[in-house]
Amino acid sequence: MVLYHCCVSLGMALELVGFMDDELIPVTEHPPSVDKTSREQAFSVVMLNAPFDFRLEDYPQKVNDKGELERLVPGAVLNAFQRAIWPVS
């Protein structure tokens, strides 16, 4: 399983090497969509290799401002994943 958390800038993505334990982080199983006409390039924090007991269905859902379904997962849980950061294209 791979999860994505969208960030609006590389600086923000680099700051999110680890998440605040009690913060709920919106994640999706699909790469985030970006507005290709925007001057800002979006970056993702990508969570790889889910822990053995992780089930995305255990976390509440929400619809973001783009109409995409996300799950709200505590930062402490996501910190157990391996993470990578790269541009969204």
PDB file of N, CA and C in Angstrom:
ATOM      1  N   MET A   1       0.840  -1.180   0.000  1.00  0.00           N
ATOM      2  CA  MET A   1       0.000   0.000   0.000  1.00  0.00           C
ATOM      3  C   MET A   1       0.880   1.235   0.000  1.00  0.00           C
ATOM      4  N   VAL A   2       0.495   2.211  -0.797  1.00  0.00           N
ATOM      5  CA  VAL A   2       1.179   3.504  -0.859  1.00  0.00           C
ATOM      6  C   VAL A   2       0.141   4.579  -0.563  1.00  0.00           C
ATOM      7  N   LEU A   3       0.475   5.532   0.298  1.00  0.00           N
ATOM      8  CA  LEU A   3      -0.404   6.645   0.624  1.00  0.00           C
ATOM      9  C   LEU A   3       0.270   7.948   0.254  1.00  0.00           C
ATOM     10  N   TYR A   4      -0.547   8.952  -0.093  1.00  0.00           N
ATOM     11  CA  TYR A   4      -0.029  10.255  -0.506  1.00  0.00           C
ATOM     12  C   TYR A   4      -0.611  11.360   0.365  1.00  0.00           C
ATOM     13  N   HIS A   5       0.234  12.318   0.735  1.00  0.00           N
ATOM     14  CA  HIS A   5      -0.203  13.538   1.414  1.00  0.00           C
ATOM     15  C   HIS A   5       0.330  14.699   0.598  1.00  0.00           C
ATOM     16  N   CYS A   6      -0.552  15.541   0.085  1.00  0.00           N
ATOM     17  CA  CYS A   6      -0.154  16.622  -0.812  1.00  0.00           C
ATOM     18  C   CYS A   6       0.332  17.838  -0.031  1.00  0.00           C
ATOM     19  N   CYS A   7       1.420  18.438  -0.504  1.00  0.00           N
ATOM     20  CA  CYS A   7       1.962  19.671   0.069  1.00  0.00           C
ATOM     21  C   CYS A   7       2.054  20.703  -1.040  1.00  0.00           C
ATOM     22  N   VAL A   8       1.931  21.958  -0.694  1.00  0.00           N
ATOM     23  CA  VAL A   8       1.948  22.997  -1.720  1.00  0.00           C
ATOM     24  C   VAL A   8       3.348  23.451  -2.102  1.00  0.00           C
ATOM     25  N   SER A   9       4.350  23.073  -1.343  1.00  0.00           N
ATOM     26  CA  SER A   9       5.707  23.504  -1.679  1.00  0.00           C
ATOM     27  C   SER A   9       6.707  22.454  -1.221  1.00  0.00           C
ATOM     28  N   LEU A  10       7.875  22.471  -1.843  1.00  0.00           N
ATOM     29  CA  LEU A  10       8.927  21.543  -1.451  1.00  0.00           C
ATOM     30  C   LEU A  10       9.362  21.806  -0.014  1.00  0.00           C
ATOM     31  N   GLY A  11       9.418  23.077   0.382  1.00  0.00           N
ATOM     32  CA  GLY A  11       9.789  23.403   1.752  1.00  0.00           C
ATOM     33  C   GLY A  11       8.861  22.762   2.757  1.00  0.00           C
ATOM     34  N   MET A  12       7.572  22.829   2.483  1.00  0.00           N
ATOM     35  CA  MET A  12       6.583  22.206   3.369  1.00  0.00           C
ATOM     36  C   MET A  12       6.763  20.695   3.374  1.00  0.00           C
ATOM     37  N   ALA A  13       6.998  20.102   2.211  1.00  0.00           N
ATOM     38  CA  ALA A  13       7.192  18.651   2.135  1.00  0.00           C
ATOM     39  C   ALA A  13       8.409  18.227   2.954  1.00  0.00           C
ATOM     40  N   LEU A  14       9.494  18.993   2.860  1.00  0.00           N
ATOM     41  CA  LEU A  14      10.692  18.636   3.608  1.00  0.00           C
ATOM     42  C   LEU A  14      10.473  18.746   5.109  1.00  0.00           C
ATOM     43  N   GLU A  15       9.634  19.684   5.528  1.00  0.00           N
ATOM     44  CA  GLU A  15       9.328  19.819   6.948  1.00  0.00           C
ATOM     45  C   GLU A  15       8.530  18.624   7.461  1.00  0.00           C
ATOM     46  N   LEU A  16       7.822  17.939   6.557  1.00  0.00           N
ATOM     47  CA  LEU A  16       6.955  16.840   6.967  1.00  0.00           C
ATOM     48  C   LEU A  16       7.654  15.488   6.909  1.00  0.00           C
ATOM     49  N   VAL A  17       8.957  15.479   7.165  1.00  0.00           N
ATOM     50  CA  VAL A  17       9.677  14.214   7.229  1.00  0.00           C
ATOM     51  C   VAL A  17       9.074  13.359   8.337  1.00  0.00           C
ATOM     52  N   GLY A  18       8.616  13.996   9.385  1.00  0.00           N
ATOM     53  CA  GLY A  18       7.858  13.335  10.443  1.00  0.00           C
ATOM     54  C   GLY A  18       6.633  14.183  10.727  1.00  0.00           C
ATOM     55  N   PHE A  19       5.523  13.541  11.082  1.00  0.00           N
ATOM     56  CA  PHE A  19       4.287  14.263  11.369  1.00  0.00           C
ATOM     57  C   PHE A  19       4.118  14.423  12.872  1.00  0.00           C
ATOM     58  N   MET A  20       3.360  15.431  13.277  1.00  0.00           N
ATOM     59  CA  MET A  20       3.003  15.579  14.687  1.00  0.00           C
ATOM     60  C   MET A  20       2.158  14.376  15.074  1.00  0.00           C
ATOM     61  N   ASP A  21       2.452  13.753  16.197  1.00  0.00           N
ATOM     62  CA  ASP A  21       1.788  12.500  16.581  1.00  0.00           C
ATOM     63  C   ASP A  21       0.271  12.598  16.632  1.00  0.00           C
ATOM     64  N   ASP A  22      -0.263  13.692  17.188  1.00  0.00           N
ATOM     65  CA  ASP A  22      -1.711  13.777  17.401  1.00  0.00           C
ATOM     66  C   ASP A  22      -2.454  14.487  16.273  1.00  0.00           C
ATOM     67  N   GLU A  23      -1.727  14.942  15.240  1.00  0.00           N
ATOM     68  CA  GLU A  23      -2.363  15.633  14.123  1.00  0.00           C
ATOM     69  C   GLU A  23      -2.997  14.618  13.167  1.00  0.00           C
ATOM     70  N   LEU A  24      -4.207  14.923  12.673  1.00  0.00           N
ATOM     71  CA  LEU A  24      -4.848  14.073  11.680  1.00  0.00           C
ATOM     72  C   LEU A  24      -4.411  14.527  10.290  1.00  0.00           C
ATOM     73  N   ILE A  25      -3.794  13.639   9.543  1.00  0.00           N
ATOM     74  CA  ILE A  25      -3.218  13.954   8.246  1.00  0.00           C
ATOM     75  C   ILE A  25      -4.118  13.395   7.143  1.00  0.00           C
ATOM     76  N   PRO A  26      -4.579  14.243   6.213  1.00  0.00           N
ATOM     77  CA  PRO A  26      -5.389  13.734   5.106  1.00  0.00           C
ATOM     78  C   PRO A  26      -4.508  13.002   4.098  1.00  0.00           C
ATOM     79  N   VAL A  27      -4.836  11.740   3.827  1.00  0.00           N
ATOM     80  CA  VAL A  27      -4.072  10.942   2.876  1.00  0.00           C
ATOM     81  C   VAL A  27      -5.014  10.280   1.879  1.00  0.00           C
ATOM     82  N   THR A  28      -4.461   9.899   0.741  1.00  0.00           N
ATOM     83  CA  THR A  28      -5.216   9.216  -0.292  1.00  0.00           C
ATOM     84  C   THR A  28      -4.370   8.087  -0.863  1.00  0.00           C
ATOM     85  N   GLU A  29      -5.015   7.122  -1.497  1.00  0.00           N
ATOM     86  CA  GLU A  29      -4.295   6.022  -2.133  1.00  0.00           C
ATOM     87  C   GLU A  29      -3.889   6.350  -3.564  1.00  0.00           C
ATOM     88  N   HIS A  30      -4.273   7.531  -4.038  1.00  0.00           N
ATOM     89  CA  HIS A  30      -3.965   7.929  -5.407  1.00  0.00           C
ATOM     90  C   HIS A  30      -3.118   9.190  -5.392  1.00  0.00           C
ATOM     91  N   PRO A  31      -2.199   9.327  -6.344  1.00  0.00           N
ATOM     92  CA  PRO A  31      -1.408  10.574  -6.382  1.00  0.00           C
ATOM     93  C   PRO A  31      -2.331  11.781  -6.459  1.00  0.00           C
ATOM     94  N   PRO A  32      -2.008  12.853  -5.759  1.00  0.00           N
ATOM     95  CA  PRO A  32      -2.874  14.034  -5.775  1.00  0.00           C
ATOM     96  C   PRO A  32      -2.908  14.679  -7.152  1.00  0.00           C
ATOM     97  N   SER A  33      -4.067  15.231  -7.508  1.00  0.00           N
ATOM     98  CA  SER A  33      -4.169  15.970  -8.765  1.00  0.00           C
ATOM     99  C   SER A  33      -3.721  17.400  -8.509  1.00  0.00           C
ATOM    100  N   VAL A  34      -3.087  17.988  -9.493  1.00  0.00           N
ATOM    101  CA  VAL A  34      -2.608  19.366  -9.371  1.00  0.00           C
ATOM    102  C   VAL A  34      -3.114  20.185 -10.545  1.00  0.00           C
ATOM    103  N   ASP A  35      -3.224  21.476 -10.296  1.00  0.00           N
ATOM    104  CA  ASP A  35      -3.596  22.414 -11.343  1.00  0.00           C
ATOM    105  C   ASP A  35      -2.336  22.758 -12.127  1.00  0.00           C
ATOM    106  N   LYS A  36      -2.220  22.204 -13.328  1.00  0.00           N
ATOM    107  CA  LYS A  36      -0.994  22.387 -14.109  1.00  0.00           C
ATOM    108  C   LYS A  36      -0.810  23.822 -14.593  1.00  0.00           C
ATOM    109  N   THR A  37      -1.836  24.666 -14.466  1.00  0.00           N
ATOM    110  CA  THR A  37      -1.695  26.066 -14.857  1.00  0.00           C
ATOM    111  C   THR A  37      -1.154  26.923 -13.715  1.00  0.00           C
ATOM    112  N   SER A  38      -1.082  26.339 -12.524  1.00  0.00           N
ATOM    113  CA  SER A  38      -0.598  27.076 -11.357  1.00  0.00           C
ATOM    114  C   SER A  38       0.911  27.246 -11.421  1.00  0.00           C
ATOM    115  N   ARG A  39       1.411  28.383 -10.946  1.00  0.00           N
ATOM    116  CA  ARG A  39       2.859  28.610 -10.906  1.00  0.00           C
ATOM    117  C   ARG A  39       3.523  27.795  -9.813  1.00  0.00           C
ATOM    118  N   GLU A  40       2.774  27.460  -8.764  1.00  0.00           N
ATOM    119  CA  GLU A  40       3.335  26.664  -7.677  1.00  0.00           C
ATOM    120  C   GLU A  40       3.318  25.202  -8.079  1.00  0.00           C
ATOM    121  N   GLN A  41       4.395  24.516  -7.814  1.00  0.00           N
ATOM    122  CA  GLN A  41       4.440  23.088  -8.086  1.00  0.00           C
ATOM    123  C   GLN A  41       4.153  22.364  -6.780  1.00  0.00           C
ATOM    124  N   ALA A  42       3.241  21.426  -6.829  1.00  0.00           N
ATOM    125  CA  ALA A  42       2.880  20.703  -5.615  1.00  0.00           C
ATOM    126  C   ALA A  42       3.819  19.514  -5.413  1.00  0.00           C
ATOM    127  N   PHE A  43       4.037  19.195  -4.169  1.00  0.00           N
ATOM    128  CA  PHE A  43       4.866  18.054  -3.804  1.00  0.00           C
ATOM    129  C   PHE A  43       4.053  17.125  -2.919  1.00  0.00           C
ATOM    130  N   SER A  44       4.439  15.862  -2.912  1.00  0.00           N
ATOM    131  CA  SER A  44       3.771  14.882  -2.073  1.00  0.00           C
ATOM    132  C   SER A  44       4.744  14.284  -1.075  1.00  0.00           C
ATOM    133  N   VAL A  45       4.226  14.013   0.107  1.00  0.00           N
ATOM    134  CA  VAL A  45       4.909  13.127   1.028  1.00  0.00           C
ATOM    135  C   VAL A  45       4.265  11.771   0.775  1.00  0.00           C
ATOM    136  N   VAL A  46       5.062  10.801   0.387  1.00  0.00           N
ATOM    137  CA  VAL A  46       4.553   9.495  -0.001  1.00  0.00           C
ATOM    138  C   VAL A  46       4.935   8.484   1.064  1.00  0.00           C
ATOM    139  N   MET A  47       3.938   7.759   1.579  1.00  0.00           N
ATOM    140  CA  MET A  47       4.172   6.745   2.592  1.00  0.00           C
ATOM    141  C   MET A  47       4.181   5.379   1.930  1.00  0.00           C
ATOM    142  N   LEU A  48       5.273   4.630   2.136  1.00  0.00           N
ATOM    143  CA  LEU A  48       5.481   3.325   1.513  1.00  0.00           C
ATOM    144  C   LEU A  48       5.539   2.234   2.577  1.00  0.00           C
ATOM    145  N   ASN A  49       5.249   1.015   2.181  1.00  0.00           N
ATOM    146  CA  ASN A  49       5.411  -0.152   3.057  1.00  0.00           C
ATOM    147  C   ASN A  49       4.626  -0.003   4.358  1.00  0.00           C
ATOM    148  N   ALA A  50       3.344  -0.122   4.257  1.00  0.00           N
ATOM    149  CA  ALA A  50       2.470  -0.001   5.434  1.00  0.00           C
ATOM    150  C   ALA A  50       2.839  -1.035   6.489  1.00  0.00           C
ATOM    151  N   PRO A  51       2.730  -0.664   7.763  1.00  0.00           N
ATOM    152  CA  PRO A  51       2.937  -1.641   8.829  1.00  0.00           C
ATOM    153  C   PRO A  51       1.939  -2.796   8.685  1.00  0.00           C
ATOM    154  N   PHE A  52       2.289  -3.949   9.190  1.00  0.00           N
ATOM    155  CA  PHE A  52       1.502  -5.165   9.034  1.00  0.00           C
ATOM    156  C   PHE A  52       0.036  -4.989   9.444  1.00  0.00           C
ATOM    157  N   ASP A  53      -0.220  -4.306  10.534  1.00  0.00           N
ATOM    158  CA  ASP A  53      -1.585  -4.211  11.062  1.00  0.00           C
ATOM    159  C   ASP A  53      -2.352  -2.978  10.575  1.00  0.00           C
ATOM    160  N   PHE A  54      -1.828  -2.242   9.596  1.00  0.00           N
ATOM    161  CA  PHE A  54      -2.482  -1.022   9.126  1.00  0.00           C
ATOM    162  C   PHE A  54      -3.654  -1.349   8.209  1.00  0.00           C
ATOM    163  N   ARG A  55      -4.805  -0.704   8.503  1.00  0.00           N
ATOM    164  CA  ARG A  55      -5.992  -0.821   7.643  1.00  0.00           C
ATOM    165  C   ARG A  55      -6.547   0.580   7.430  1.00  0.00           C
ATOM    166  N   LEU A  56      -6.535   1.044   6.205  1.00  0.00           N
ATOM    167  CA  LEU A  56      -7.003   2.395   5.887  1.00  0.00           C
ATOM    168  C   LEU A  56      -8.465   2.575   6.264  1.00  0.00           C
ATOM    169  N   GLU A  57      -9.239   1.509   6.177  1.00  0.00           N
ATOM    170  CA  GLU A  57     -10.670   1.563   6.485  1.00  0.00           C
ATOM    171  C   GLU A  57     -10.956   1.876   7.954  1.00  0.00           C
ATOM    172  N   ASP A  58      -9.938   1.791   8.805  1.00  0.00           N
ATOM    173  CA  ASP A  58     -10.119   2.070  10.233  1.00  0.00           C
ATOM    174  C   ASP A  58     -10.174   3.568  10.544  1.00  0.00           C
ATOM    175  N   TYR A  59      -9.943   4.420   9.547  1.00  0.00           N
ATOM    176  CA  TYR A  59      -9.835   5.854   9.784  1.00  0.00           C
ATOM    177  C   TYR A  59     -10.961   6.613   9.085  1.00  0.00           C
ATOM    178  N   PRO A  60     -11.399   7.737   9.674  1.00  0.00           N
ATOM    179  CA  PRO A  60     -12.533   8.479   9.105  1.00  0.00           C
ATOM    180  C   PRO A  60     -12.217   9.064   7.726  1.00  0.00           C
ATOM    181  N   GLN A  61     -13.277   9.223   6.942  1.00  0.00           N
ATOM    182  CA  GLN A  61     -13.172   9.794   5.603  1.00  0.00           C
ATOM    183  C   GLN A  61     -13.579  11.259   5.616  1.00  0.00           C
ATOM    184  N   LYS A  62     -13.068  12.006   4.641  1.00  0.00           N
ATOM    185  CA  LYS A  62     -13.537  13.367   4.393  1.00  0.00           C
ATOM    186  C   LYS A  62     -13.352  13.646   2.907  1.00  0.00           C
ATOM    187  N   VAL A  63     -14.111  14.592   2.401  1.00  0.00           N
ATOM    188  CA  VAL A  63     -13.973  15.020   1.014  1.00  0.00           C
ATOM    189  C   VAL A  63     -13.231  16.353   1.029  1.00  0.00           C
ATOM    190  N   ASN A  64     -12.143  16.434   0.254  1.00  0.00           N
ATOM    191  CA  ASN A  64     -11.364  17.680   0.236  1.00  0.00           C
ATOM    192  C   ASN A  64     -12.012  18.700  -0.692  1.00  0.00           C
ATOM    193  N   ASP A  65     -11.390  19.866  -0.816  1.00  0.00           N
ATOM    194  CA  ASP A  65     -11.975  20.948  -1.620  1.00  0.00           C
ATOM    195  C   ASP A  65     -11.985  20.663  -3.118  1.00  0.00           C
ATOM    196  N   LYS A  66     -11.303  19.604  -3.555  1.00  0.00           N
ATOM    197  CA  LYS A  66     -11.332  19.190  -4.963  1.00  0.00           C
ATOM    198  C   LYS A  66     -12.335  18.065  -5.203  1.00  0.00           C
ATOM    199  N   GLY A  67     -13.069  17.698  -4.142  1.00  0.00           N
ATOM    200  CA  GLY A  67     -14.053  16.630  -4.256  1.00  0.00           C
ATOM    201  C   GLY A  67     -13.459  15.237  -4.166  1.00  0.00           C
ATOM    202  N   GLU A  68     -12.204  15.130  -3.736  1.00  0.00           N
ATOM    203  CA  GLU A  68     -11.535  13.841  -3.628  1.00  0.00           C
ATOM    204  C   GLU A  68     -11.693  13.293  -2.215  1.00  0.00           C
ATOM    205  N   LEU A  69     -11.888  11.996  -2.116  1.00  0.00           N
ATOM    206  CA  LEU A  69     -12.045  11.337  -0.826  1.00  0.00           C
ATOM    207  C   LEU A  69     -10.675  11.106  -0.192  1.00  0.00           C
ATOM    208  N   GLU A  70     -10.540  11.518   1.054  1.00  0.00           N
ATOM    209  CA  GLU A  70      -9.306  11.318   1.804  1.00  0.00           C
ATOM    210  C   GLU A  70      -9.631  10.614   3.114  1.00  0.00           C
ATOM    211  N   ARG A  71      -8.632   9.997   3.704  1.00  0.00           N
ATOM    212  CA  ARG A  71      -8.739   9.412   5.040  1.00  0.00           C
ATOM    213  C   ARG A  71      -7.908  10.255   5.995  1.00  0.00           C
ATOM    214  N   LEU A  72      -8.390  10.428   7.204  1.00  0.00           N
ATOM    215  CA  LEU A  72      -7.677  11.201   8.226  1.00  0.00           C
ATOM    216  C   LEU A  72      -6.958  10.230   9.154  1.00  0.00           C
ATOM    217  N   VAL A  73      -5.646  10.186   9.028  1.00  0.00           N
ATOM    218  CA  VAL A  73      -4.827   9.220   9.761  1.00  0.00           C
ATOM    219  C   VAL A  73      -3.919   9.984  10.719  1.00  0.00           C
ATOM    220  N   PRO A  74      -3.846   9.561  11.985  1.00  0.00           N
ATOM    221  CA  PRO A  74      -2.969  10.247  12.934  1.00  0.00           C
ATOM    222  C   PRO A  74      -1.503  10.218  12.484  1.00  0.00           C
ATOM    223  N   GLY A  75      -0.813  11.317  12.735  1.00  0.00           N
ATOM    224  CA  GLY A  75       0.595  11.406  12.382  1.00  0.00           C
ATOM    225  C   GLY A  75       1.428  10.293  12.989  1.00  0.00           C
ATOM    226  N   ALA A  76       1.111   9.893  14.211  1.00  0.00           N
ATOM    227  CA  ALA A  76       1.873   8.825  14.867  1.00  0.00           C
ATOM    228  C   ALA A  76       1.805   7.528  14.062  1.00  0.00           C
ATOM    229  N   VAL A  77       0.672   7.264  13.433  1.00  0.00           N
ATOM    230  CA  VAL A  77       0.515   6.061  12.615  1.00  0.00           C
ATOM    231  C   VAL A  77       1.345   6.201  11.336  1.00  0.00           C
ATOM    232  N   LEU A  78       1.248   7.355  10.674  1.00  0.00           N
ATOM    233  CA  LEU A  78       1.983   7.552   9.426  1.00  0.00           C
ATOM    234  C   LEU A  78       3.495   7.561   9.641  1.00  0.00           C
ATOM    235  N   ASN A  79       3.931   7.953  10.826  1.00  0.00           N
ATOM    236  CA  ASN A  79       5.368   7.967  11.103  1.00  0.00           C
ATOM    237  C   ASN A  79       5.969   6.565  11.104  1.00  0.00           C
ATOM    238  N   ALA A  80       5.134   5.525  11.157  1.00  0.00           N
ATOM    239  CA  ALA A  80       5.623   4.150  11.107  1.00  0.00           C
ATOM    240  C   ALA A  80       5.931   3.704   9.671  1.00  0.00           C
ATOM    241  N   PHE A  81       5.473   4.484   8.669  1.00  0.00           N
ATOM    242  CA  PHE A  81       5.739   4.179   7.264  1.00  0.00           C
ATOM    243  C   PHE A  81       7.122   4.696   6.864  1.00  0.00           C
ATOM    244  N   GLN A  82       7.713   4.069   5.857  1.00  0.00           N
ATOM    245  CA  GLN A  82       8.847   4.696   5.188  1.00  0.00           C
ATOM    246  C   GLN A  82       8.275   5.837   4.365  1.00  0.00           C
ATOM    247  N   ARG A  83       9.029   6.948   4.212  1.00  0.00           N
ATOM    248  CA  ARG A  83       8.514   8.106   3.489  1.00  0.00           C
ATOM    249  C   ARG A  83       9.483   8.566   2.416  1.00  0.00           C
ATOM    250  N   ALA A  84       8.921   9.116   1.359  1.00  0.00           N
ATOM    251  CA  ALA A  84       9.703   9.737   0.292  1.00  0.00           C
ATOM    252  C   ALA A  84       8.982  11.018  -0.091  1.00  0.00           C
ATOM    253  N   ILE A  85       9.692  11.935  -0.716  1.00  0.00           N
ATOM    254  CA  ILE A  85       9.113  13.207  -1.145  1.00  0.00           C
ATOM    255  C   ILE A  85       9.486  13.431  -2.596  1.00  0.00           C
ATOM    256  N   TRP A  86       8.504  13.748  -3.424  1.00  0.00           N
ATOM    257  CA  TRP A  86       8.812  14.100  -4.808  1.00  0.00           C
ATOM    258  C   TRP A  86       7.720  14.962  -5.404  1.00  0.00           C
ATOM    259  N   PRO A  87       8.024  15.609  -6.548  1.00  0.00           N
ATOM    260  CA  PRO A  87       7.026  16.486  -7.181  1.00  0.00           C
ATOM    261  C   PRO A  87       5.855  15.703  -7.717  1.00  0.00           C
ATOM    262  N   VAL A  88       4.708  16.310  -7.711  1.00  0.00           N
ATOM    263  CA  VAL A  88       3.514  15.740  -8.321  1.00  0.00           C
ATOM    264  C   VAL A  88       3.477  16.239  -9.755  1.00  0.00           C
ATOM    265  N   SER A  89       3.346  15.333 -10.689  1.00  0.00           N
ATOM    266  CA  SER A  89       3.319  15.763 -12.093  1.00  0.00           C
ATOM    267  C   SER A  89       2.003  15.449 -12.751  1.00  0.00           C
TER     268      SER A  89
END
